[in-house]
């Protein structure tokens, strides 16, 4: 296998071990592999959360995610990159997102993984609606997330 870019937006769950192994097997020249998995948490903005519903616009989503990877590859020498983002109804503690990056060096893999996540939270066209004890509410990007992504510029 050789370096690859994988971007999947899907409703079904993903198998972390399988995705990790696919990245690991992608080449023998990269010495670093960094992964991140985001989960649905039970609290947000001081309210109890019982679930999350994510919507997206497929054509726009694919374009934006590819652009985020392109930007990361321009900043760091990367091997394989994998992004899996789930949509639809998700319950507390379910996996939402997987980002995996390989590189010859750990600094590049760490930074690229964080960069991709920061931009997924602020630039990717996903709309999130939380189910709370006080009803449903649409969630916007936090100011802290926006500042974090601006720091990469």
N, C-alpha and C. Protein backbone atom coordinates (compact mmCIF):
# COMPACT_ATOMS: atom_id res chain seq x y z
N UNK A 1 0.84 -1.18 0.00
CA UNK A 1 0.00 0.00 0.00
C UNK A 1 0.89 1.24 0.00
N UNK A 2 0.37 2.36 -0.49
CA UNK A 2 1.13 3.60 -0.49
C UNK A 2 0.30 4.71 0.15
N UNK A 3 0.90 5.88 0.27
CA UNK A 3 0.20 7.01 0.88
C UNK A 3 -1.16 7.23 0.23
N UNK A 4 -2.12 7.69 1.03
CA UNK A 4 -3.46 7.93 0.50
C UNK A 4 -4.13 9.07 1.27
N UNK A 5 -5.18 9.59 0.67
CA UNK A 5 -6.09 10.50 1.36
C UNK A 5 -7.46 9.84 1.31
N UNK A 6 -8.06 9.69 2.49
CA UNK A 6 -9.40 9.10 2.59
C UNK A 6 -10.30 10.09 3.30
N UNK A 7 -11.42 10.41 2.67
CA UNK A 7 -12.42 11.29 3.28
C UNK A 7 -13.76 10.60 3.14
N UNK A 8 -14.38 10.28 4.28
CA UNK A 8 -15.69 9.64 4.29
C UNK A 8 -16.63 10.41 5.20
N UNK A 9 -17.79 10.76 4.67
CA UNK A 9 -18.88 11.32 5.47
C UNK A 9 -19.96 10.25 5.44
N UNK A 10 -20.33 9.75 6.61
CA UNK A 10 -21.19 8.56 6.67
C UNK A 10 -22.05 8.56 7.92
N UNK A 11 -23.15 7.83 7.86
CA UNK A 11 -24.01 7.71 9.04
C UNK A 11 -23.56 6.55 9.93
N UNK A 12 -22.98 5.52 9.35
CA UNK A 12 -22.59 4.35 10.14
C UNK A 12 -21.32 4.62 10.95
N UNK A 13 -21.17 3.89 12.04
CA UNK A 13 -20.00 4.00 12.91
C UNK A 13 -18.77 3.50 12.16
N UNK A 14 -17.60 3.81 12.70
CA UNK A 14 -16.34 3.32 12.12
C UNK A 14 -15.59 2.49 13.15
N UNK A 15 -14.73 1.64 12.65
CA UNK A 15 -13.92 0.74 13.48
C UNK A 15 -12.54 1.37 13.65
N UNK A 16 -12.28 1.91 14.85
CA UNK A 16 -11.00 2.60 15.09
C UNK A 16 -9.81 1.71 14.77
N UNK A 17 -9.82 0.47 15.23
CA UNK A 17 -8.67 -0.43 15.02
C UNK A 17 -8.42 -0.64 13.53
N UNK A 18 -9.47 -0.81 12.76
CA UNK A 18 -9.34 -1.00 11.32
C UNK A 18 -8.75 0.25 10.65
N UNK A 19 -9.26 1.43 11.03
CA UNK A 19 -8.78 2.68 10.43
C UNK A 19 -7.31 2.94 10.80
N UNK A 20 -6.96 2.66 12.05
CA UNK A 20 -5.57 2.79 12.49
C UNK A 20 -4.67 1.86 11.68
N UNK A 21 -5.08 0.61 11.55
CA UNK A 21 -4.25 -0.37 10.83
C UNK A 21 -4.09 0.01 9.36
N UNK A 22 -5.13 0.54 8.75
CA UNK A 22 -5.04 0.97 7.35
C UNK A 22 -3.98 2.07 7.21
N UNK A 23 -3.97 3.03 8.13
CA UNK A 23 -2.95 4.07 8.12
C UNK A 23 -1.56 3.49 8.35
N UNK A 24 -1.47 2.60 9.31
CA UNK A 24 -0.17 1.98 9.65
C UNK A 24 0.40 1.20 8.47
N UNK A 25 -0.47 0.50 7.75
CA UNK A 25 -0.02 -0.33 6.63
C UNK A 25 0.20 0.47 5.35
N UNK A 26 -0.09 1.77 5.36
CA UNK A 26 -0.04 2.54 4.12
C UNK A 26 1.37 2.74 3.58
N UNK A 27 2.38 2.63 4.42
CA UNK A 27 3.77 2.78 3.94
C UNK A 27 4.73 2.41 5.06
N UNK A 28 5.99 2.24 4.69
CA UNK A 28 7.03 1.91 5.66
C UNK A 28 7.96 3.07 5.96
N UNK A 29 7.75 4.21 5.29
CA UNK A 29 8.68 5.32 5.46
C UNK A 29 8.25 6.31 6.54
N UNK A 30 6.99 6.28 6.94
CA UNK A 30 6.53 7.21 7.96
C UNK A 30 6.73 6.60 9.35
N UNK A 31 7.34 7.40 10.24
CA UNK A 31 7.61 6.93 11.59
C UNK A 31 6.63 7.46 12.63
N UNK A 32 5.64 8.24 12.18
CA UNK A 32 4.68 8.83 13.11
C UNK A 32 3.26 8.61 12.59
N UNK A 33 2.38 8.28 13.51
CA UNK A 33 0.96 8.11 13.19
C UNK A 33 0.18 8.70 14.35
N UNK A 34 -0.58 9.75 14.08
CA UNK A 34 -1.37 10.42 15.11
C UNK A 34 -2.84 10.31 14.74
N UNK A 35 -3.66 9.93 15.73
CA UNK A 35 -5.10 9.83 15.51
C UNK A 35 -5.85 10.65 16.55
N UNK A 36 -7.05 11.04 16.17
CA UNK A 36 -7.96 11.71 17.08
C UNK A 36 -9.35 11.15 16.83
N UNK A 37 -10.08 10.88 17.90
CA UNK A 37 -11.48 10.46 17.80
C UNK A 37 -12.30 11.39 18.68
N UNK A 38 -13.34 11.99 18.09
CA UNK A 38 -14.27 12.83 18.84
C UNK A 38 -15.51 12.05 19.18
N UNK A 39 -16.01 12.25 20.39
CA UNK A 39 -17.19 11.54 20.90
C UNK A 39 -18.29 12.52 21.27
N UNK A 40 -19.53 12.06 21.26
CA UNK A 40 -20.65 12.86 21.74
C UNK A 40 -20.58 12.87 23.26
N UNK A 41 -20.52 14.07 23.84
CA UNK A 41 -20.45 14.16 25.30
C UNK A 41 -21.83 14.46 25.87
N UNK A 42 -21.98 14.22 27.16
CA UNK A 42 -23.30 14.36 27.79
C UNK A 42 -23.59 15.76 28.34
N UNK A 43 -22.64 16.67 28.21
CA UNK A 43 -22.83 18.05 28.66
C UNK A 43 -22.23 18.99 27.63
N UNK A 44 -22.90 20.11 27.40
CA UNK A 44 -22.36 21.17 26.55
C UNK A 44 -23.05 22.46 26.93
N UNK A 45 -22.26 23.52 27.07
CA UNK A 45 -22.79 24.83 27.43
C UNK A 45 -23.69 24.76 28.66
N UNK A 46 -23.23 24.04 29.67
CA UNK A 46 -23.89 23.88 30.97
C UNK A 46 -25.28 23.23 30.87
N UNK A 47 -25.52 22.45 29.83
CA UNK A 47 -26.79 21.73 29.73
C UNK A 47 -26.53 20.26 29.46
N UNK A 48 -27.38 19.42 30.03
CA UNK A 48 -27.30 17.98 29.81
C UNK A 48 -27.73 17.67 28.38
N UNK A 49 -26.93 16.86 27.71
CA UNK A 49 -27.17 16.50 26.31
C UNK A 49 -27.49 15.02 26.22
N UNK A 50 -28.54 14.66 25.49
CA UNK A 50 -28.87 13.24 25.31
C UNK A 50 -28.59 12.75 23.90
N UNK A 51 -28.32 13.67 22.98
CA UNK A 51 -28.03 13.25 21.62
C UNK A 51 -27.66 14.43 20.74
N UNK A 52 -27.24 14.10 19.54
CA UNK A 52 -26.76 15.09 18.59
C UNK A 52 -27.20 14.67 17.20
N UNK A 53 -27.71 15.61 16.42
CA UNK A 53 -28.08 15.32 15.04
C UNK A 53 -27.23 16.19 14.14
N UNK A 54 -26.53 15.58 13.18
CA UNK A 54 -25.66 16.32 12.26
C UNK A 54 -26.18 16.21 10.84
N UNK A 55 -26.27 17.37 10.20
CA UNK A 55 -26.64 17.46 8.79
C UNK A 55 -25.47 18.05 8.02
N UNK A 56 -25.48 17.83 6.69
CA UNK A 56 -24.46 18.44 5.85
C UNK A 56 -24.97 18.54 4.43
N UNK A 57 -24.26 19.33 3.64
CA UNK A 57 -24.55 19.47 2.22
C UNK A 57 -23.45 18.72 1.48
N UNK A 58 -23.73 17.50 0.97
CA UNK A 58 -22.67 16.60 0.47
C UNK A 58 -21.67 17.21 -0.50
N UNK A 59 -22.11 17.90 -1.54
CA UNK A 59 -21.16 18.42 -2.53
C UNK A 59 -20.22 19.44 -1.90
N UNK A 60 -20.75 20.31 -1.05
CA UNK A 60 -19.94 21.32 -0.39
C UNK A 60 -19.01 20.68 0.64
N UNK A 61 -19.51 19.71 1.39
CA UNK A 61 -18.72 19.06 2.43
C UNK A 61 -17.47 18.42 1.85
N UNK A 62 -17.63 17.65 0.78
CA UNK A 62 -16.49 16.97 0.16
C UNK A 62 -15.44 17.98 -0.31
N UNK A 63 -15.89 19.06 -0.92
CA UNK A 63 -14.98 20.09 -1.41
C UNK A 63 -14.19 20.72 -0.26
N UNK A 64 -14.89 21.09 0.81
CA UNK A 64 -14.24 21.74 1.96
C UNK A 64 -13.26 20.79 2.65
N UNK A 65 -13.65 19.53 2.86
CA UNK A 65 -12.76 18.58 3.52
C UNK A 65 -11.51 18.33 2.68
N UNK A 66 -11.66 18.21 1.38
CA UNK A 66 -10.49 18.04 0.51
C UNK A 66 -9.58 19.26 0.58
N UNK A 67 -10.17 20.45 0.67
CA UNK A 67 -9.38 21.67 0.77
C UNK A 67 -8.62 21.73 2.09
N UNK A 68 -9.23 21.28 3.18
CA UNK A 68 -8.55 21.25 4.48
C UNK A 68 -7.33 20.33 4.41
N UNK A 69 -7.48 19.17 3.81
CA UNK A 69 -6.36 18.24 3.67
C UNK A 69 -5.28 18.85 2.77
N UNK A 70 -5.69 19.50 1.70
CA UNK A 70 -4.73 20.15 0.79
C UNK A 70 -3.90 21.20 1.54
N UNK A 71 -4.57 21.99 2.39
CA UNK A 71 -3.87 23.01 3.18
C UNK A 71 -2.89 22.35 4.16
N UNK A 72 -3.31 21.27 4.80
CA UNK A 72 -2.42 20.57 5.74
C UNK A 72 -1.20 20.01 5.01
N UNK A 73 -1.42 19.43 3.83
CA UNK A 73 -0.29 18.89 3.06
C UNK A 73 0.66 19.99 2.60
N UNK A 74 0.14 21.21 2.38
CA UNK A 74 1.00 22.32 1.99
C UNK A 74 1.87 22.81 3.15
N UNK A 75 1.37 22.64 4.38
CA UNK A 75 2.10 23.11 5.56
C UNK A 75 3.10 22.08 6.10
N UNK A 76 2.77 20.79 5.98
CA UNK A 76 3.61 19.75 6.55
C UNK A 76 3.81 18.62 5.53
N UNK A 77 4.93 17.94 5.64
CA UNK A 77 5.19 16.77 4.79
C UNK A 77 4.45 15.59 5.40
N UNK A 78 3.35 15.21 4.77
CA UNK A 78 2.49 14.17 5.31
C UNK A 78 2.49 12.95 4.40
N UNK A 79 2.21 11.82 5.03
CA UNK A 79 2.02 10.59 4.28
C UNK A 79 0.55 10.40 3.99
N UNK A 80 -0.11 9.56 4.77
CA UNK A 80 -1.53 9.28 4.58
C UNK A 80 -2.36 10.15 5.51
N UNK A 81 -3.56 10.49 5.03
CA UNK A 81 -4.49 11.29 5.81
C UNK A 81 -5.87 10.65 5.69
N UNK A 82 -6.53 10.48 6.83
CA UNK A 82 -7.86 9.89 6.84
C UNK A 82 -8.79 10.74 7.70
N UNK A 83 -9.94 11.10 7.12
CA UNK A 83 -10.98 11.82 7.86
C UNK A 83 -12.27 11.04 7.68
N UNK A 84 -12.90 10.71 8.80
CA UNK A 84 -14.23 10.12 8.78
C UNK A 84 -15.10 10.99 9.66
N UNK A 85 -16.18 11.51 9.11
CA UNK A 85 -17.09 12.34 9.90
C UNK A 85 -18.48 11.77 9.75
N UNK A 86 -19.12 11.52 10.88
CA UNK A 86 -20.46 10.94 10.86
C UNK A 86 -21.53 12.02 10.80
N UNK A 87 -22.66 11.64 10.23
CA UNK A 87 -23.83 12.50 10.16
C UNK A 87 -25.04 11.69 10.61
N UNK A 88 -26.15 12.38 10.83
CA UNK A 88 -27.36 11.70 11.29
C UNK A 88 -27.48 11.79 12.80
N UNK A 89 -28.31 10.92 13.37
CA UNK A 89 -28.56 10.93 14.80
C UNK A 89 -27.48 10.14 15.54
N UNK A 90 -26.85 10.78 16.52
CA UNK A 90 -25.82 10.15 17.34
C UNK A 90 -26.20 10.28 18.80
N UNK A 91 -25.90 9.27 19.58
CA UNK A 91 -26.19 9.27 21.01
C UNK A 91 -24.93 9.57 21.82
N UNK A 92 -25.12 9.87 23.09
CA UNK A 92 -24.00 10.16 23.98
C UNK A 92 -23.00 9.01 23.94
N UNK A 93 -21.73 9.35 23.88
CA UNK A 93 -20.55 8.47 23.86
C UNK A 93 -20.30 7.81 22.51
N UNK A 94 -21.15 8.08 21.50
CA UNK A 94 -20.85 7.55 20.17
C UNK A 94 -19.73 8.35 19.51
N UNK A 95 -19.02 7.70 18.59
CA UNK A 95 -17.95 8.35 17.84
C UNK A 95 -18.56 9.27 16.78
N UNK A 96 -18.01 10.49 16.70
CA UNK A 96 -18.45 11.45 15.68
C UNK A 96 -17.43 11.55 14.56
N UNK A 97 -16.16 11.66 14.94
CA UNK A 97 -15.13 11.99 13.95
C UNK A 97 -13.85 11.21 14.23
N UNK A 98 -13.17 10.86 13.14
CA UNK A 98 -11.85 10.23 13.19
C UNK A 98 -10.94 11.04 12.27
N UNK A 99 -9.79 11.44 12.78
CA UNK A 99 -8.76 12.05 11.96
C UNK A 99 -7.46 11.31 12.23
N UNK A 100 -6.85 10.80 11.17
CA UNK A 100 -5.58 10.08 11.29
C UNK A 100 -4.59 10.63 10.28
N UNK A 101 -3.35 10.81 10.72
CA UNK A 101 -2.30 11.39 9.88
C UNK A 101 -1.01 10.62 10.09
N UNK A 102 -0.31 10.34 8.98
CA UNK A 102 1.03 9.77 9.10
C UNK A 102 2.04 10.78 8.53
N UNK A 103 3.25 10.71 9.05
CA UNK A 103 4.34 11.56 8.58
C UNK A 103 5.65 10.90 8.97
N UNK A 104 6.72 11.37 8.39
CA UNK A 104 8.03 10.84 8.77
C UNK A 104 8.40 11.28 10.19
N UNK A 105 7.86 12.41 10.62
CA UNK A 105 8.23 12.96 11.93
C UNK A 105 6.98 13.29 12.75
N UNK A 106 7.07 13.11 14.07
CA UNK A 106 5.91 13.27 14.94
C UNK A 106 5.37 14.69 14.99
N UNK A 107 6.25 15.70 14.95
CA UNK A 107 5.77 17.09 15.03
C UNK A 107 4.80 17.38 13.89
N UNK A 108 5.16 16.96 12.69
CA UNK A 108 4.29 17.20 11.54
C UNK A 108 2.96 16.47 11.70
N UNK A 109 3.00 15.24 12.18
CA UNK A 109 1.77 14.47 12.36
C UNK A 109 0.88 15.10 13.44
N UNK A 110 1.48 15.50 14.57
CA UNK A 110 0.70 16.15 15.64
C UNK A 110 0.05 17.44 15.13
N UNK A 111 0.88 18.31 14.54
CA UNK A 111 0.37 19.61 14.10
C UNK A 111 -0.70 19.46 13.02
N UNK A 112 -0.46 18.59 12.05
CA UNK A 112 -1.43 18.41 10.97
C UNK A 112 -2.75 17.87 11.50
N UNK A 113 -2.69 16.94 12.44
CA UNK A 113 -3.92 16.38 13.00
C UNK A 113 -4.72 17.46 13.72
N UNK A 114 -4.03 18.26 14.52
CA UNK A 114 -4.70 19.34 15.25
C UNK A 114 -5.26 20.39 14.28
N UNK A 115 -4.49 20.73 13.26
CA UNK A 115 -4.92 21.68 12.23
C UNK A 115 -6.21 21.20 11.56
N UNK A 116 -6.22 19.94 11.15
CA UNK A 116 -7.40 19.38 10.48
C UNK A 116 -8.61 19.44 11.41
N UNK A 117 -8.45 19.04 12.66
CA UNK A 117 -9.58 19.09 13.61
C UNK A 117 -10.07 20.52 13.83
N UNK A 118 -9.13 21.46 13.99
CA UNK A 118 -9.53 22.85 14.20
C UNK A 118 -10.37 23.36 13.04
N UNK A 119 -9.99 23.04 11.83
CA UNK A 119 -10.74 23.50 10.66
C UNK A 119 -12.03 22.71 10.45
N UNK A 120 -12.05 21.45 10.86
CA UNK A 120 -13.31 20.69 10.80
C UNK A 120 -14.36 21.35 11.69
N UNK A 121 -13.93 21.85 12.85
CA UNK A 121 -14.87 22.45 13.81
C UNK A 121 -15.37 23.82 13.36
N UNK A 122 -14.61 24.51 12.51
CA UNK A 122 -14.99 25.88 12.16
C UNK A 122 -15.38 26.07 10.70
N UNK A 123 -14.78 25.32 9.78
CA UNK A 123 -15.00 25.57 8.35
C UNK A 123 -15.84 24.52 7.64
N UNK A 124 -15.87 23.32 8.16
CA UNK A 124 -16.62 22.26 7.49
C UNK A 124 -18.11 22.50 7.62
N UNK A 125 -18.87 22.32 6.54
CA UNK A 125 -20.30 22.61 6.56
C UNK A 125 -21.15 21.50 7.17
N UNK A 126 -20.97 21.35 8.48
CA UNK A 126 -21.81 20.43 9.26
C UNK A 126 -22.67 21.28 10.17
N UNK A 127 -23.95 20.95 10.25
CA UNK A 127 -24.86 21.64 11.15
C UNK A 127 -25.24 20.67 12.24
N UNK A 128 -25.06 21.12 13.50
CA UNK A 128 -25.28 20.24 14.65
C UNK A 128 -26.45 20.73 15.49
N UNK A 129 -27.35 19.80 15.76
CA UNK A 129 -28.49 20.10 16.63
C UNK A 129 -28.42 19.17 17.83
N UNK A 130 -28.31 19.76 19.03
CA UNK A 130 -28.26 18.98 20.25
C UNK A 130 -29.66 18.78 20.82
N UNK A 131 -29.88 17.61 21.41
CA UNK A 131 -31.09 17.35 22.18
C UNK A 131 -30.71 17.50 23.64
N UNK A 132 -31.34 18.47 24.32
CA UNK A 132 -31.03 18.73 25.73
C UNK A 132 -32.31 18.58 26.55
N UNK A 133 -32.14 18.69 27.86
CA UNK A 133 -33.29 18.62 28.76
C UNK A 133 -34.23 19.81 28.56
N UNK A 134 -33.74 20.87 27.94
CA UNK A 134 -34.56 22.07 27.67
C UNK A 134 -35.03 22.13 26.22
N UNK A 135 -34.87 21.04 25.47
CA UNK A 135 -35.30 21.01 24.07
C UNK A 135 -34.11 20.97 23.12
N UNK A 136 -34.40 21.01 21.83
CA UNK A 136 -33.36 20.97 20.81
C UNK A 136 -32.80 22.36 20.56
N UNK A 137 -31.50 22.42 20.21
CA UNK A 137 -30.88 23.69 19.85
C UNK A 137 -29.78 23.45 18.83
N UNK A 138 -29.67 24.36 17.86
CA UNK A 138 -28.61 24.31 16.86
C UNK A 138 -27.35 24.90 17.48
N UNK A 139 -26.22 24.28 17.21
CA UNK A 139 -24.94 24.70 17.80
C UNK A 139 -24.07 25.37 16.74
N UNK A 140 -23.51 26.51 17.09
CA UNK A 140 -22.58 27.21 16.21
C UNK A 140 -21.17 27.01 16.73
N UNK A 141 -20.19 27.29 15.86
CA UNK A 141 -18.79 27.19 16.26
C UNK A 141 -18.52 28.13 17.43
N UNK A 142 -17.76 27.66 18.40
CA UNK A 142 -17.42 28.47 19.56
C UNK A 142 -16.37 29.51 19.17
N UNK A 143 -16.39 30.64 19.85
CA UNK A 143 -15.40 31.69 19.61
C UNK A 143 -14.00 31.13 19.83
N UNK A 144 -13.83 30.30 20.85
CA UNK A 144 -12.50 29.72 21.13
C UNK A 144 -12.03 28.83 19.98
N UNK A 145 -12.95 28.10 19.34
CA UNK A 145 -12.58 27.28 18.18
C UNK A 145 -12.20 28.16 17.00
N UNK A 146 -12.94 29.24 16.79
CA UNK A 146 -12.64 30.16 15.69
C UNK A 146 -11.25 30.79 15.88
N UNK A 147 -10.95 31.20 17.12
CA UNK A 147 -9.62 31.78 17.39
C UNK A 147 -8.52 30.76 17.16
N UNK A 148 -8.78 29.51 17.57
CA UNK A 148 -7.78 28.45 17.40
C UNK A 148 -7.47 28.23 15.93
N UNK A 149 -8.49 28.17 15.08
CA UNK A 149 -8.25 27.95 13.67
C UNK A 149 -7.58 29.17 13.02
N UNK A 150 -7.89 30.37 13.52
CA UNK A 150 -7.23 31.57 12.97
C UNK A 150 -5.75 31.63 13.32
N UNK A 151 -5.36 30.98 14.42
CA UNK A 151 -3.95 30.96 14.81
C UNK A 151 -3.07 30.22 13.80
N UNK A 152 -3.65 29.36 12.98
CA UNK A 152 -2.87 28.61 11.99
C UNK A 152 -2.51 29.47 10.78
N UNK A 153 -3.23 30.60 10.61
CA UNK A 153 -2.98 31.46 9.43
C UNK A 153 -1.65 32.16 9.52
